Amino acid sequence: MGKPRFILSGGGTGGHIYPAIAIANELKAQFPEAEFLFVGAEDKMEMDKVPQAGYKIKGLWISGLQRKLTFQNMAFPLKVINSLWKSRKIIKDFKPDVVIGTGGFASGPLLQMANNLNIPTVIQEQNSYPGITNKLLSKKADAICVAYENLERFFPKDKIIFTGNPVRQDLLEIDSKRSEAIKHFNLDPNKKTLLVLGGSLGARRINRLIEKEIYNIVSKDIQIIWQCGRLYYHDYNHFTDGQVVQVMSFIDKMDLVYAAADFVISRAGASSVSELCLVGKPVIFIPSPNVAEDHQTKNAKAIADKNGAILIKENELDATFEPTFAKLVFDENQQKELSENIKKLAKPNATKDIVEQIVKLIK
């Protein structure tokens, strides 16, 4: 076999970009001489994140359909045609052995073209409720790697492989990093630590909740690491006091912050959920209700139904957050139960299992 060649496409949010990079890294570990090309949406964050990870990327002029009539929507058919044409050219020039899509706008036209040109395609679906792009592409895909059970109603049953989501490998060993983590974040080792995660951009409703509950939380002898997102950092950074509250726009050392945490409050995007299963700390999920098909609520419910996490909907926060959080903090049995159950749902070998499916397709 000559040098294998792979095109990967995914983006729009970290939840689509990160798995694509993880898959590329694992392929590279197995095929050091392989050639890689990423394809993303021209103005989205993949255009920065992928080169930072050391890979080349080309951009397509593509975006999602807005729900209301806008100029963007009128341009949408044009963008699709343009992106299909450009995807065809990219594939013809690069001659990939396999094309891998992890979701997001750009993966639609690219995988569609790969299917038309009879190049094997693999879809990696992170969510418990697939988006429209992957549903359409699944009919012609060679393999569909999923992270949740019961997706036969969306995808052809014989193509589904239950692998889990690719997760940062440095999260596998966090138990040994606790003292390093406490030092790194300058925490008090005698206090419990609450980690608040709002996603890379931030979550307004979670930030408002913490702002309202902050004194109540701190009064339970708890210190807080509050990742509020870059859109909200200037609104909340004044809460940082050097003692018990640290507000951050973004956290670089996720392995250390998970190692330091005793409790986590998080959105329920697919990659966060997969990471938290691996990390195994007691979690309260507050899903974002304003994402396509409400998939965050479905992701969180899949864990909460197995008693692996607590799920609180945004519209129930005012009534239930305070008593629910207080019970969690003081009930060690509940903490232990949630930890043990969420860990059972982890899929630490996901990336390797996905790569195994890709390797089968190299001609």
Protein backbone atom coordinates (compact mmCIF):
# COMPACT_ATOMS: atom_id res chain seq x y z
CA MET A 1 0.00 0.00 0.00
CA GLY A 2 1.29 3.49 -0.87
CA LYS A 3 0.79 6.49 1.38
CA PRO A 4 -2.84 6.51 2.52
CA ARG A 5 -4.65 9.82 1.95
CA PHE A 6 -7.48 11.10 4.14
CA ILE A 7 -9.83 14.04 3.89
CA LEU A 8 -11.62 15.01 7.13
CA SER A 9 -14.46 17.46 7.35
CA GLY A 10 -16.31 18.84 10.32
CA GLY A 11 -16.75 22.12 12.06
CA GLY A 12 -18.83 25.08 13.07
CA THR A 13 -18.34 24.24 16.76
CA GLY A 14 -15.65 22.59 18.85
CA GLY A 15 -17.95 19.57 19.14
CA HIS A 16 -17.42 18.79 15.43
CA ILE A 17 -13.81 19.98 15.09
CA TYR A 18 -12.27 18.24 18.07
CA PRO A 19 -13.39 14.69 17.08
CA ALA A 20 -12.05 15.22 13.55
CA ILE A 21 -8.64 16.24 14.90
CA ALA A 22 -8.62 13.30 17.35
CA ILE A 23 -9.35 10.88 14.49
CA ALA A 24 -6.60 12.45 12.34
CA ASN A 25 -4.09 12.17 15.20
CA GLU A 26 -4.88 8.49 15.69
CA LEU A 27 -4.64 7.79 11.93
CA LYS A 28 -1.30 9.60 11.89
CA ALA A 29 -0.04 7.49 14.80
CA GLN A 30 -0.87 4.34 12.80
CA PHE A 31 0.24 5.71 9.39
CA PRO A 32 3.03 8.23 10.00
CA GLU A 33 3.51 8.74 6.25
CA ALA A 34 -0.19 9.41 5.52
CA GLU A 35 -1.37 12.65 3.86
CA PHE A 36 -4.19 14.66 5.46
CA LEU A 37 -6.46 17.46 4.33
CA PHE A 38 -9.27 19.08 6.30
CA VAL A 39 -12.24 20.83 4.71
CA GLY A 40 -14.24 23.36 6.73
CA ALA A 41 -16.59 26.31 6.43
CA GLU A 42 -14.75 29.47 5.37
CA ASP A 43 -15.60 31.75 8.28
CA LYS A 44 -15.86 29.25 11.14
CA MET A 45 -13.48 28.39 13.97
CA GLU A 46 -12.03 25.31 12.25
CA MET A 47 -10.03 27.67 10.01
CA ASP A 48 -7.96 28.53 13.13
CA LYS A 49 -8.16 25.36 15.21
CA VAL A 50 -7.11 22.87 12.51
CA PRO A 51 -3.85 24.63 11.51
CA GLN A 52 -3.07 24.99 15.25
CA ALA A 53 -3.28 21.20 15.44
CA GLY A 54 -0.81 20.96 12.55
CA TYR A 55 -3.07 20.11 9.60
CA LYS A 56 -3.85 21.84 6.29
CA ILE A 57 -7.41 23.04 5.74
CA LYS A 58 -9.44 24.35 2.80
CA GLY A 59 -12.61 26.39 3.30
CA LEU A 60 -15.97 26.09 1.55
CA TRP A 61 -18.43 28.97 1.17
CA ILE A 62 -21.24 27.34 3.12
CA SER A 63 -23.50 28.03 6.10
CA GLY A 64 -26.63 26.61 7.64
CA LEU A 65 -30.15 27.56 6.71
CA GLN A 66 -31.50 30.29 8.99
CA ARG A 67 -35.01 29.65 10.28
CA LYS A 68 -36.28 32.97 8.93
CA LEU A 69 -36.06 34.58 5.52
CA THR A 70 -32.71 36.35 5.32
CA PHE A 71 -30.19 37.28 2.68
CA GLN A 72 -28.19 34.27 3.84
CA ASN A 73 -31.09 31.98 3.01
CA MET A 74 -31.47 33.47 -0.45
CA ALA A 75 -27.78 32.78 -1.01
CA PHE A 76 -28.06 29.23 0.35
CA PRO A 77 -28.74 27.37 -2.95
CA LEU A 78 -25.85 29.26 -4.51
CA LYS A 79 -23.57 28.32 -1.62
CA VAL A 80 -24.54 24.66 -1.92
CA ILE A 81 -23.80 24.58 -5.66
CA ASN A 82 -20.53 26.45 -5.15
CA SER A 83 -19.51 24.09 -2.32
CA LEU A 84 -20.37 20.95 -4.26
CA TRP A 85 -18.32 22.18 -7.22
CA LYS A 86 -15.38 23.12 -5.00
CA SER A 87 -15.63 19.81 -3.08
CA ARG A 88 -15.47 17.90 -6.35
CA LYS A 89 -12.32 19.78 -7.31
CA ILE A 90 -10.70 19.20 -3.89
CA ILE A 91 -11.43 15.45 -4.06
CA LYS A 92 -10.21 15.12 -7.66
CA ASP A 93 -6.97 16.96 -6.83
CA PHE A 94 -6.24 15.25 -3.51
CA LYS A 95 -7.43 11.71 -4.44
CA PRO A 96 -8.31 10.51 -0.93
CA ASP A 97 -8.64 6.83 -0.01
CA VAL A 98 -11.35 7.61 2.54
CA VAL A 99 -13.36 10.73 3.40
CA ILE A 100 -14.46 11.19 7.03
CA GLY A 101 -17.22 13.56 8.15
CA THR A 102 -17.82 14.57 11.76
CA GLY A 103 -20.81 16.84 11.16
CA GLY A 104 -21.23 20.56 10.59
CA PHE A 105 -22.08 22.45 7.39
CA ALA A 106 -18.99 21.74 5.32
CA SER A 107 -19.19 17.97 5.70
CA GLY A 108 -22.48 17.91 3.75
CA PRO A 109 -21.31 18.91 0.25
CA LEU A 110 -17.93 17.21 0.70
CA LEU A 111 -19.31 13.77 1.63
CA GLN A 112 -22.06 14.07 -0.95
CA MET A 113 -19.40 14.57 -3.64
CA ALA A 114 -17.26 11.74 -2.28
CA ASN A 115 -20.31 9.45 -2.51
CA ASN A 116 -20.92 10.57 -6.11
CA LEU A 117 -17.30 9.82 -6.98
CA ASN A 118 -17.46 6.37 -5.29
CA ILE A 119 -14.92 7.19 -2.59
CA PRO A 120 -15.56 5.37 0.71
CA THR A 121 -17.06 7.63 3.41
CA VAL A 122 -17.31 7.33 7.18
CA ILE A 123 -19.67 9.44 9.28
CA GLN A 124 -18.98 10.04 12.94
CA GLU A 125 -22.20 11.13 14.68
CA GLN A 126 -21.62 12.62 18.14
CA ASN A 127 -25.21 13.18 19.23
CA SER A 128 -28.09 11.04 20.40
CA TYR A 129 -30.21 12.88 17.84
CA PRO A 130 -28.48 13.30 14.46
CA GLY A 131 -28.60 16.53 12.48
CA ILE A 132 -30.13 16.71 9.04
CA THR A 133 -26.76 16.60 7.19
CA ASN A 134 -25.77 13.23 8.60
CA LYS A 135 -29.26 11.77 8.12
CA LEU A 136 -29.10 12.61 4.41
CA LEU A 137 -25.53 11.35 4.00
CA SER A 138 -26.05 8.10 5.90
CA LYS A 139 -27.79 6.30 3.03
CA LYS A 140 -24.60 6.17 0.99
CA ALA A 141 -21.99 6.09 3.77
CA ASP A 142 -19.90 2.94 4.22
CA ALA A 143 -19.81 3.13 8.03
CA ILE A 144 -21.58 5.28 10.62
CA CYS A 145 -19.80 5.48 13.98
CA VAL A 146 -22.20 6.53 16.74
CA ALA A 147 -21.96 7.39 20.44
CA TYR A 148 -25.50 6.50 21.52
CA GLU A 149 -27.69 3.44 21.25
CA ASN A 150 -31.00 3.25 19.36
CA LEU A 151 -30.11 5.27 16.27
CA GLU A 152 -31.61 2.69 13.87
CA ARG A 153 -34.57 4.98 13.33
CA PHE A 154 -32.27 7.56 11.70
CA PHE A 155 -29.58 5.46 10.04
CA PRO A 156 -29.42 2.17 8.08
CA LYS A 157 -29.03 -0.46 10.79
CA ASP A 158 -26.34 -2.54 9.06
CA LYS A 159 -23.96 0.45 8.83
CA ILE A 160 -24.10 1.56 12.48
CA ILE A 161 -21.07 0.86 14.69
CA PHE A 162 -21.37 1.80 18.36
CA THR A 163 -17.93 3.28 19.07
CA GLY A 164 -18.49 6.28 21.34
CA ASN A 165 -17.09 9.77 20.72
CA PRO A 166 -13.38 10.57 20.33
CA VAL A 167 -12.15 12.08 23.58
CA ARG A 168 -8.86 13.74 24.56
CA GLN A 169 -6.51 10.96 25.61
CA ASP A 170 -5.08 13.04 28.47
CA LEU A 171 -8.38 12.63 30.35
CA LEU A 172 -7.81 8.90 30.88
CA GLU A 173 -5.36 9.41 33.74
CA ILE A 174 -6.78 12.30 35.72
CA ASP A 175 -6.96 10.56 39.12
CA SER A 176 -3.18 10.74 39.43
CA LYS A 177 -3.14 14.49 38.66
CA ARG A 178 -5.19 15.79 41.56
CA SER A 179 -2.42 17.38 43.64
CA GLU A 180 -0.82 18.90 40.54
CA ALA A 181 -4.24 20.29 39.60
CA ILE A 182 -4.87 21.83 43.01
CA LYS A 183 -1.48 23.54 42.82
CA HIS A 184 -2.00 24.68 39.20
CA PHE A 185 -5.31 26.42 39.98
CA ASN A 186 -4.11 27.58 43.39
CA LEU A 187 -7.00 25.87 45.19
CA ASP A 188 -7.53 25.12 48.87
CA PRO A 189 -7.05 21.33 49.23
CA ASN A 190 -9.47 21.25 52.19
CA LYS A 191 -12.41 22.67 50.24
CA LYS A 192 -14.55 20.98 47.63
CA THR A 193 -14.37 22.46 44.11
CA LEU A 194 -17.27 23.15 41.75
CA LEU A 195 -16.39 23.37 38.05
CA VAL A 196 -18.85 25.32 35.87
CA LEU A 197 -18.59 24.75 32.09
CA GLY A 198 -20.56 26.82 29.60
CA GLY A 199 -18.95 25.68 26.34
CA SER A 200 -16.37 27.62 24.32
CA LEU A 201 -18.62 30.63 23.67
CA GLY A 202 -20.35 30.53 27.04
CA ALA A 203 -23.90 29.88 28.24
CA ARG A 204 -25.91 32.92 29.30
CA ARG A 205 -28.44 31.01 31.40
CA ILE A 206 -25.78 29.08 33.34
CA ASN A 207 -23.83 32.30 33.95
CA ARG A 208 -26.95 34.03 35.28
CA LEU A 209 -27.62 31.04 37.54
CA ILE A 210 -24.11 31.11 39.05
CA GLU A 211 -24.29 34.88 39.50
CA LYS A 212 -27.54 34.45 41.45
CA GLU A 213 -26.37 31.43 43.51
CA ILE A 214 -22.72 32.32 44.04
CA TYR A 215 -22.93 33.31 47.73
CA ASN A 216 -25.14 30.36 48.51
CA ILE A 217 -22.59 27.99 46.86
CA VAL A 218 -19.59 29.57 48.56
CA SER A 219 -21.38 29.41 51.94
CA LYS A 220 -21.29 25.59 51.66
CA ASP A 221 -17.48 25.85 51.89
CA ILE A 222 -17.08 25.31 48.15
CA GLN A 223 -14.62 27.02 45.79
CA ILE A 224 -15.61 27.68 42.18
CA ILE A 225 -13.83 27.51 38.83
CA TRP A 226 -16.26 29.24 36.51
CA GLN A 227 -15.62 29.02 32.76
CA CYS A 228 -18.08 31.64 31.56
CA GLY A 229 -17.09 31.78 27.86
CA ARG A 230 -15.39 34.56 25.95
CA LEU A 231 -18.66 36.35 25.09
CA TYR A 232 -19.42 36.91 28.78
CA TYR A 233 -16.00 37.23 30.38
CA HIS A 234 -16.13 41.02 30.83
CA ASP A 235 -19.56 40.70 32.54
CA TYR A 236 -18.41 38.27 35.19
CA ASN A 237 -14.66 38.51 35.71
CA HIS A 238 -15.17 40.92 38.65
CA PHE A 239 -16.34 37.90 40.69
CA THR A 240 -12.77 36.55 40.70
CA ASP A 241 -11.55 37.10 44.26
CA GLY A 242 -8.29 35.14 44.42
CA GLN A 243 -9.77 33.16 47.30
CA VAL A 244 -12.76 31.03 46.37
CA VAL A 245 -13.94 32.13 42.93
CA GLN A 246 -11.95 32.06 39.67
CA VAL A 247 -13.69 33.25 36.51
CA MET A 248 -12.12 32.22 33.18
CA SER A 249 -13.16 32.77 29.58
CA PHE A 250 -11.52 29.54 28.42
CA ILE A 251 -9.68 26.69 30.17
CA ASP A 252 -6.55 25.31 28.50
CA LYS A 253 -5.75 22.48 30.89
CA MET A 254 -8.97 20.47 30.79
CA ASP A 255 -7.31 17.37 32.22
CA LEU A 256 -6.19 19.33 35.30
CA VAL A 257 -9.46 21.16 35.82
CA TYR A 258 -11.37 17.86 35.72
CA ALA A 259 -8.86 16.37 38.16
CA ALA A 260 -9.45 19.24 40.59
CA ALA A 261 -13.25 19.20 40.38
CA ASP A 262 -15.53 17.48 42.89
CA PHE A 263 -18.76 18.58 41.20
CA VAL A 264 -19.45 19.76 37.65
CA ILE A 265 -22.23 21.90 36.19
CA SER A 266 -22.19 21.67 32.40
CA ARG A 267 -24.03 22.10 29.13
CA ALA A 268 -24.76 18.78 27.40
CA GLY A 269 -23.03 19.09 24.04
CA ALA A 270 -21.93 15.67 22.80
CA SER A 271 -18.20 16.06 23.37
CA SER A 272 -18.70 17.46 26.90
CA VAL A 273 -20.97 14.53 27.77
CA SER A 274 -18.42 11.99 26.45
CA GLU A 275 -15.60 13.66 28.39
CA LEU A 276 -17.62 13.75 31.59
CA CYS A 277 -18.40 10.02 31.29
CA LEU A 278 -14.69 9.34 31.19
CA VAL A 279 -13.94 11.74 34.04
CA GLY A 280 -16.62 10.23 36.28
CA LYS A 281 -17.41 13.17 38.59
CA PRO A 282 -20.94 13.98 39.83
CA VAL A 283 -22.53 16.20 37.17
CA ILE A 284 -25.54 18.46 36.87
CA PHE A 285 -26.40 18.88 33.19
CA ILE A 286 -28.22 22.05 32.13
CA PRO A 287 -28.82 21.46 28.41
CA SER A 288 -29.14 24.35 26.00
CA PRO A 289 -32.73 24.40 24.71
CA ASN A 290 -31.84 26.51 21.65
CA VAL A 291 -29.87 23.98 19.61
CA ALA A 292 -31.15 22.03 16.61
CA GLU A 293 -33.72 19.36 17.51
CA ASP A 294 -33.03 20.01 21.24
CA HIS A 295 -30.28 17.39 21.02
CA GLN A 296 -28.53 18.52 24.23
CA THR A 297 -31.57 17.59 26.30
CA LYS A 298 -31.61 14.18 24.61
CA ASN A 299 -27.86 13.71 25.23
CA ALA A 300 -28.26 14.55 28.93
CA LYS A 301 -31.39 12.44 29.32
CA ALA A 302 -29.57 9.38 27.94
CA ILE A 303 -27.18 9.68 30.93
CA ALA A 304 -29.73 10.81 33.55
CA ASP A 305 -32.04 7.90 32.67
CA LYS A 306 -29.26 5.53 33.77
CA ASN A 307 -28.79 7.51 37.00
CA GLY A 308 -25.40 8.76 35.82
CA ALA A 309 -26.12 12.50 36.14
CA ILE A 310 -28.68 15.04 37.28
CA LEU A 311 -30.61 16.84 34.52
CA ILE A 312 -32.18 20.23 35.19
CA LYS A 313 -33.94 22.04 32.35
CA GLU A 314 -33.37 25.79 32.07
CA ASN A 315 -36.99 26.62 32.85
CA GLU A 316 -36.84 24.55 36.08
CA LEU A 317 -33.64 26.12 37.46
CA ASP A 318 -35.28 28.74 39.67
CA ALA A 319 -37.40 26.17 41.45
CA THR A 320 -35.08 23.17 41.66
CA PHE A 321 -31.42 24.16 41.44
CA GLU A 322 -30.89 25.19 45.06
CA PRO A 323 -32.39 22.10 46.77
CA THR A 324 -30.92 19.73 44.16
CA PHE A 325 -27.41 21.15 44.52
CA ALA A 326 -27.60 21.22 48.34
CA LYS A 327 -28.62 17.55 48.42
CA LEU A 328 -25.78 16.60 46.08
CA VAL A 329 -23.15 18.44 48.13
CA PHE A 330 -24.16 16.83 51.42
CA ASP A 331 -25.15 13.35 50.21
CA GLU A 332 -22.00 11.29 49.69
CA ASN A 333 -23.97 8.22 48.62
CA GLN A 334 -25.56 10.15 45.78
CA GLN A 335 -22.14 11.47 44.72
CA LYS A 336 -20.71 7.95 44.67
CA GLU A 337 -23.68 6.51 42.79
CA LEU A 338 -23.60 9.19 40.07
CA SER A 339 -19.84 8.77 39.65
CA GLU A 340 -19.98 5.01 39.32
CA ASN A 341 -22.92 5.05 36.89
CA ILE A 342 -21.58 7.73 34.54
CA LYS A 343 -18.21 5.94 34.36
CA LYS A 344 -19.95 2.78 33.12
CA LEU A 345 -21.08 4.74 30.06
CA ALA A 346 -17.57 5.85 29.05
CA LYS A 347 -16.01 4.58 25.82
CA PRO A 348 -12.27 5.18 26.29
CA ASN A 349 -11.28 3.36 23.08
CA ALA A 350 -13.63 5.30 20.79
CA THR A 351 -10.95 6.92 18.62
CA LYS A 352 -9.13 3.63 18.01
CA ASP A 353 -12.41 1.87 17.21
CA ILE A 354 -13.37 4.56 14.67
CA VAL A 355 -9.94 4.40 13.04
CA GLU A 356 -10.29 0.61 12.75
CA GLN A 357 -13.45 1.17 10.67
CA ILE A 358 -11.65 3.70 8.47
CA VAL A 359 -8.66 1.41 7.90
CA LYS A 360 -10.99 -1.36 6.66
CA LEU A 361 -12.05 0.94 3.81
CA ILE A 362 -8.59 1.79 2.44
CA LYS A 363 -8.53 0.21 -0.97
